[in-house]
Structure formats: structure tokens, C-alpha cells
Amino acid sequence: KAQAAAAKAGAVSTKKAAVKAEDLTAKRRLYMKKAVAHAKAHKAEAKRVEAMRATALKEGNFFAEPGAKVAFVMRIRGINDVAPKPRKILQLLRLRQIHNGVFVALNKAT
């Protein structure tokens, strides 16, 4: 009786392991598909910027390179002798302790 129960439990765990492995394989395929799509989009964007640079050069215009979209802001100074406005900005950026850092999306407001 105990052997039958053990065999049944082993079959169930084997089935669960197979399903889990299948799920992991499907996820891995999805991640790979997304990575390939991302690399393709990145390459297309680089090609587009290069074409715009060449067009501007050919026409005698200037081309402003696209800038960074994210900045890492780190607090390197304590609370002493910091004016109220910069102190409030540090609070809004969640930089309450020295040597803390946050990523900030760059736009016209920042």
C-alpha cells in the first residue's frame, strides 16, 4: 500500500516537474523573442540617427545628437548649510541620506 502511494506521488511530482520545465521553456522563448525585437529596434534607431546625421552634413546643416533619457542623481552632501529650496528638491527626489542615489527620467521639467 505504501509503495503504491509513493509511486503515485512520484508520478504526480514528475508530471508537475514536466509542466514546470515546459513553462520555463516557453518563458525563455518569449524572453529571447523580446530580446531579438529590442536589438532590432535599437539597430534601426541607430541607422535612423546615422541617416539623419548624413543628411544634415550633406545639406550643410547641424545635427543635434539625441541626449540621454535617464540620469543617476546621488546625494554627496549632508543636510547642514543646504538652502531650503535645494533641500526640498532633495526630499522630492527621495535623497534624504548622504550617498543615496536615484534614477531620474530626463525631460523638460528635470
N, C-alpha and C. Protein backbone atom coordinates (compact mmCIF):
# COMPACT_ATOMS: atom_id res chain seq x y z
N LYS A 1 0.83 -1.20 0.00
CA LYS A 1 0.00 0.00 0.00
C LYS A 1 0.87 1.26 0.00
N ALA A 2 1.92 1.26 0.81
CA ALA A 2 2.81 2.41 0.90
C ALA A 2 3.57 2.60 -0.41
N GLN A 3 3.93 1.49 -1.05
CA GLN A 3 4.66 1.59 -2.32
C GLN A 3 3.79 2.19 -3.41
N ALA A 4 2.52 1.84 -3.41
CA ALA A 4 1.60 2.39 -4.41
C ALA A 4 1.43 3.89 -4.21
N ALA A 5 1.32 4.31 -2.95
CA ALA A 5 1.18 5.73 -2.66
C ALA A 5 2.44 6.49 -3.06
N ALA A 6 3.60 5.90 -2.80
CA ALA A 6 4.87 6.53 -3.16
C ALA A 6 5.00 6.63 -4.67
N ALA A 7 4.59 5.58 -5.37
CA ALA A 7 4.66 5.58 -6.83
C ALA A 7 3.73 6.65 -7.41
N LYS A 8 2.54 6.76 -6.81
CA LYS A 8 1.57 7.75 -7.28
C LYS A 8 2.11 9.17 -7.03
N ALA A 9 2.70 9.39 -5.85
CA ALA A 9 3.26 10.69 -5.52
C ALA A 9 4.43 11.01 -6.45
N GLY A 10 5.23 10.02 -6.77
CA GLY A 10 6.36 10.22 -7.69
C GLY A 10 5.87 10.57 -9.08
N ALA A 11 4.79 9.95 -9.52
CA ALA A 11 4.25 10.25 -10.85
C ALA A 11 3.69 11.66 -10.90
N VAL A 12 3.03 12.09 -9.81
CA VAL A 12 2.46 13.43 -9.75
C VAL A 12 3.58 14.47 -9.77
N SER A 13 4.64 14.22 -8.96
CA SER A 13 5.73 15.19 -8.92
C SER A 13 6.47 15.24 -10.25
N THR A 14 6.59 14.11 -10.94
CA THR A 14 7.22 14.07 -12.25
C THR A 14 6.40 14.88 -13.25
N LYS A 15 5.08 14.72 -13.16
CA LYS A 15 4.19 15.46 -14.06
C LYS A 15 4.30 16.96 -13.80
N LYS A 16 4.34 17.34 -12.50
CA LYS A 16 4.48 18.75 -12.14
C LYS A 16 5.81 19.31 -12.64
N ALA A 17 6.87 18.52 -12.50
CA ALA A 17 8.19 18.95 -12.95
C ALA A 17 8.20 19.14 -14.46
N ALA A 18 7.52 18.26 -15.18
CA ALA A 18 7.46 18.36 -16.63
C ALA A 18 6.71 19.63 -17.05
N VAL A 19 5.60 19.89 -16.36
CA VAL A 19 4.82 21.10 -16.67
C VAL A 19 5.64 22.34 -16.36
N LYS A 20 6.36 22.32 -15.23
CA LYS A 20 7.18 23.47 -14.85
C LYS A 20 8.30 23.69 -15.86
N ALA A 21 8.94 22.62 -16.31
CA ALA A 21 10.00 22.73 -17.31
C ALA A 21 9.45 23.28 -18.62
N GLU A 22 8.26 22.85 -18.97
CA GLU A 22 7.63 23.34 -20.21
C GLU A 22 7.33 24.83 -20.10
N ASP A 23 6.84 25.26 -18.92
CA ASP A 23 6.57 26.68 -18.70
C ASP A 23 7.85 27.50 -18.79
N LEU A 24 8.93 27.00 -18.19
CA LEU A 24 10.20 27.71 -18.23
C LEU A 24 10.72 27.82 -19.66
N THR A 25 10.55 26.76 -20.43
CA THR A 25 10.99 26.79 -21.82
C THR A 25 10.20 27.83 -22.61
N ALA A 26 8.89 27.88 -22.37
CA ALA A 26 8.05 28.86 -23.06
C ALA A 26 8.46 30.28 -22.67
N LYS A 27 8.74 30.49 -21.38
CA LYS A 27 9.17 31.81 -20.93
C LYS A 27 10.50 32.19 -21.56
N ARG A 28 11.42 31.24 -21.61
CA ARG A 28 12.73 31.50 -22.19
C ARG A 28 12.60 31.88 -23.66
N ARG A 29 11.72 31.21 -24.37
CA ARG A 29 11.49 31.53 -25.79
C ARG A 29 10.91 32.94 -25.93
N LEU A 30 9.97 33.28 -25.05
CA LEU A 30 9.36 34.61 -25.08
C LEU A 30 10.41 35.68 -24.80
N TYR A 31 11.26 35.46 -23.79
CA TYR A 31 12.31 36.43 -23.46
C TYR A 31 13.27 36.59 -24.62
N MET A 32 13.61 35.51 -25.27
CA MET A 32 14.54 35.58 -26.39
C MET A 32 13.90 36.36 -27.55
N LYS A 33 12.61 36.11 -27.77
CA LYS A 33 11.89 36.83 -28.83
C LYS A 33 11.88 38.33 -28.55
N LYS A 34 11.64 38.70 -27.28
CA LYS A 34 11.63 40.11 -26.90
C LYS A 34 13.02 40.73 -27.05
N ALA A 35 14.05 39.97 -26.69
CA ALA A 35 15.42 40.48 -26.80
C ALA A 35 15.79 40.72 -28.26
N VAL A 36 15.41 39.82 -29.13
CA VAL A 36 15.69 39.99 -30.56
C VAL A 36 14.95 41.21 -31.09
N ALA A 37 13.70 41.39 -30.69
CA ALA A 37 12.92 42.55 -31.14
C ALA A 37 13.56 43.84 -30.62
N HIS A 38 14.03 43.83 -29.38
CA HIS A 38 14.67 45.02 -28.82
C HIS A 38 15.96 45.35 -29.57
N ALA A 39 16.76 44.32 -29.85
CA ALA A 39 18.02 44.54 -30.57
C ALA A 39 17.73 45.08 -31.98
N LYS A 40 16.69 44.56 -32.61
CA LYS A 40 16.33 45.01 -33.95
C LYS A 40 15.89 46.49 -33.92
N ALA A 41 15.10 46.85 -32.91
CA ALA A 41 14.65 48.24 -32.79
C ALA A 41 15.83 49.17 -32.50
N HIS A 42 16.75 48.71 -31.65
CA HIS A 42 17.93 49.52 -31.32
C HIS A 42 18.79 49.75 -32.56
N LYS A 43 18.96 48.71 -33.36
CA LYS A 43 19.76 48.82 -34.59
C LYS A 43 19.08 49.76 -35.59
N ALA A 44 17.76 49.67 -35.70
CA ALA A 44 17.02 50.54 -36.62
C ALA A 44 17.13 52.00 -36.18
N GLU A 45 17.07 52.24 -34.87
CA GLU A 45 17.20 53.61 -34.35
C GLU A 45 18.60 54.17 -34.63
N ALA A 46 19.62 53.34 -34.45
CA ALA A 46 20.99 53.77 -34.73
C ALA A 46 21.16 54.11 -36.21
N LYS A 47 20.55 53.30 -37.06
CA LYS A 47 20.60 53.54 -38.50
C LYS A 47 19.89 54.84 -38.87
N ARG A 48 18.75 55.09 -38.21
CA ARG A 48 17.98 56.31 -38.47
C ARG A 48 18.78 57.55 -38.06
N VAL A 49 19.44 57.50 -36.92
CA VAL A 49 20.23 58.63 -36.46
C VAL A 49 21.41 58.87 -37.40
N GLU A 50 22.04 57.80 -37.84
CA GLU A 50 23.17 57.91 -38.78
C GLU A 50 22.71 58.55 -40.10
N ALA A 51 21.51 58.15 -40.58
CA ALA A 51 20.98 58.73 -41.82
C ALA A 51 20.67 60.22 -41.63
N MET A 52 20.13 60.58 -40.48
CA MET A 52 19.84 61.99 -40.22
C MET A 52 21.13 62.80 -40.15
N ARG A 53 22.17 62.23 -39.54
CA ARG A 53 23.46 62.91 -39.45
C ARG A 53 24.04 63.13 -40.85
N ALA A 54 23.95 62.11 -41.71
CA ALA A 54 24.47 62.22 -43.07
C ALA A 54 23.68 63.24 -43.88
N THR A 55 22.36 63.25 -43.71
CA THR A 55 21.52 64.21 -44.42
C THR A 55 21.86 65.65 -44.02
N ALA A 56 22.04 65.86 -42.72
CA ALA A 56 22.37 67.20 -42.24
C ALA A 56 23.73 67.64 -42.77
N LEU A 57 24.68 66.74 -42.80
CA LEU A 57 26.01 67.07 -43.30
C LEU A 57 25.96 67.41 -44.79
N LYS A 58 25.18 66.63 -45.53
CA LYS A 58 25.07 66.83 -46.98
C LYS A 58 24.41 68.18 -47.30
N GLU A 59 23.42 68.56 -46.50
CA GLU A 59 22.71 69.81 -46.75
C GLU A 59 23.37 71.01 -46.07
N GLY A 60 24.44 70.77 -45.33
CA GLY A 60 25.14 71.87 -44.68
C GLY A 60 24.47 72.33 -43.40
N ASN A 61 23.68 71.49 -42.80
CA ASN A 61 23.00 71.84 -41.54
C ASN A 61 23.72 71.21 -40.36
N PHE A 62 23.27 71.56 -39.17
CA PHE A 62 23.79 70.95 -37.96
C PHE A 62 22.84 69.85 -37.51
N PHE A 63 23.39 68.85 -36.85
CA PHE A 63 22.56 67.77 -36.31
C PHE A 63 22.84 67.65 -34.83
N ALA A 64 21.82 67.81 -34.01
CA ALA A 64 21.97 67.67 -32.56
C ALA A 64 21.75 66.21 -32.20
N GLU A 65 22.76 65.61 -31.62
CA GLU A 65 22.66 64.20 -31.21
C GLU A 65 21.58 64.03 -30.16
N PRO A 66 20.84 62.92 -30.22
CA PRO A 66 19.85 62.67 -29.16
C PRO A 66 20.57 62.44 -27.83
N GLY A 67 20.08 63.08 -26.77
CA GLY A 67 20.74 63.00 -25.47
C GLY A 67 20.27 61.81 -24.66
N ALA A 68 20.80 61.72 -23.46
CA ALA A 68 20.44 60.65 -22.53
C ALA A 68 18.99 60.83 -22.08
N LYS A 69 18.33 59.74 -21.76
CA LYS A 69 16.95 59.79 -21.31
C LYS A 69 16.84 59.62 -19.80
N VAL A 70 17.92 59.14 -19.18
CA VAL A 70 17.89 58.86 -17.75
C VAL A 70 19.19 59.38 -17.14
N ALA A 71 19.10 59.90 -15.92
CA ALA A 71 20.30 60.34 -15.19
C ALA A 71 20.28 59.69 -13.81
N PHE A 72 21.46 59.40 -13.28
CA PHE A 72 21.58 58.89 -11.92
C PHE A 72 22.01 60.05 -11.04
N VAL A 73 21.17 60.39 -10.07
CA VAL A 73 21.44 61.51 -9.17
C VAL A 73 21.80 60.95 -7.81
N MET A 74 22.92 61.44 -7.26
CA MET A 74 23.40 60.93 -5.98
C MET A 74 23.64 62.10 -5.02
N ARG A 75 23.26 61.91 -3.78
CA ARG A 75 23.48 62.94 -2.78
C ARG A 75 24.88 62.79 -2.20
N ILE A 76 25.67 63.86 -2.29
CA ILE A 76 27.05 63.78 -1.82
C ILE A 76 27.32 64.77 -0.69
N ARG A 77 26.27 65.42 -0.22
CA ARG A 77 26.44 66.42 0.81
C ARG A 77 25.38 66.23 1.89
N GLY A 78 25.72 66.54 3.11
CA GLY A 78 24.78 66.39 4.21
C GLY A 78 23.72 67.47 4.22
N ILE A 79 22.96 67.54 5.31
CA ILE A 79 21.84 68.48 5.42
C ILE A 79 22.31 69.86 5.86
N ASN A 80 23.47 69.94 6.49
CA ASN A 80 23.95 71.23 7.01
C ASN A 80 24.28 72.19 5.88
N ASP A 81 23.91 73.44 6.07
CA ASP A 81 24.21 74.53 5.14
C ASP A 81 23.60 74.33 3.75
N VAL A 82 22.48 73.61 3.67
CA VAL A 82 21.77 73.47 2.39
C VAL A 82 20.55 74.38 2.48
N ALA A 83 20.38 75.23 1.46
CA ALA A 83 19.28 76.18 1.42
C ALA A 83 17.94 75.43 1.37
N PRO A 84 16.84 76.10 1.74
CA PRO A 84 15.54 75.42 1.78
C PRO A 84 15.07 74.84 0.44
N LYS A 85 15.26 75.58 -0.67
CA LYS A 85 14.77 75.07 -1.96
C LYS A 85 15.51 73.81 -2.39
N PRO A 86 16.85 73.81 -2.40
CA PRO A 86 17.55 72.57 -2.74
C PRO A 86 17.23 71.43 -1.79
N ARG A 87 16.98 71.75 -0.52
CA ARG A 87 16.63 70.72 0.46
C ARG A 87 15.30 70.07 0.08
N LYS A 88 14.33 70.91 -0.36
CA LYS A 88 13.03 70.39 -0.78
C LYS A 88 13.17 69.52 -2.03
N ILE A 89 14.03 69.94 -2.96
CA ILE A 89 14.26 69.15 -4.16
C ILE A 89 14.86 67.80 -3.80
N LEU A 90 15.79 67.80 -2.85
CA LEU A 90 16.37 66.53 -2.40
C LEU A 90 15.32 65.64 -1.77
N GLN A 91 14.37 66.22 -1.04
CA GLN A 91 13.27 65.43 -0.47
C GLN A 91 12.41 64.84 -1.57
N LEU A 92 12.09 65.66 -2.58
CA LEU A 92 11.23 65.18 -3.67
C LEU A 92 11.90 64.06 -4.46
N LEU A 93 13.23 64.12 -4.54
CA LEU A 93 13.96 63.07 -5.24
C LEU A 93 14.26 61.87 -4.34
N ARG A 94 13.74 61.90 -3.12
CA ARG A 94 13.96 60.83 -2.13
C ARG A 94 15.44 60.64 -1.82
N LEU A 95 16.14 61.75 -1.68
CA LEU A 95 17.56 61.71 -1.34
C LEU A 95 17.72 62.28 0.07
N ARG A 96 17.27 61.54 1.05
CA ARG A 96 17.27 62.03 2.42
C ARG A 96 18.58 61.74 3.14
N GLN A 97 19.32 60.74 2.69
CA GLN A 97 20.60 60.40 3.32
C GLN A 97 21.74 60.66 2.35
N ILE A 98 22.90 60.92 2.92
CA ILE A 98 24.09 61.11 2.09
C ILE A 98 24.44 59.78 1.43
N HIS A 99 24.94 59.84 0.22
CA HIS A 99 25.34 58.68 -0.60
C HIS A 99 24.16 57.84 -1.08
N ASN A 100 22.94 58.37 -1.03
CA ASN A 100 21.81 57.70 -1.67
C ASN A 100 21.73 58.17 -3.11
N GLY A 101 21.17 57.34 -3.98
CA GLY A 101 21.05 57.72 -5.38
C GLY A 101 19.73 57.26 -5.96
N VAL A 102 19.28 57.96 -7.00
CA VAL A 102 18.03 57.59 -7.70
C VAL A 102 18.23 57.83 -9.20
N PHE A 103 17.50 57.08 -10.00
CA PHE A 103 17.46 57.33 -11.44
C PHE A 103 16.33 58.31 -11.72
N VAL A 104 16.61 59.31 -12.54
CA VAL A 104 15.62 60.34 -12.87
C VAL A 104 15.46 60.37 -14.39
N ALA A 105 14.20 60.30 -14.84
CA ALA A 105 13.92 60.42 -16.27
C ALA A 105 14.12 61.87 -16.69
N LEU A 106 14.87 62.09 -17.74
CA LEU A 106 15.16 63.45 -18.17
C LEU A 106 14.10 63.94 -19.15
N ASN A 107 13.51 65.08 -18.82
CA ASN A 107 12.56 65.74 -19.71
C ASN A 107 12.71 67.24 -19.50
N LYS A 108 11.82 68.04 -20.03
CA LYS A 108 11.95 69.49 -19.91
C LYS A 108 11.87 69.96 -18.47
N ALA A 109 11.12 69.25 -17.64
CA ALA A 109 10.95 69.66 -16.24
C ALA A 109 12.19 69.35 -15.40
N THR A 110 12.95 68.34 -15.79
CA THR A 110 14.11 67.97 -14.97
C THR A 110 15.35 68.55 -15.58
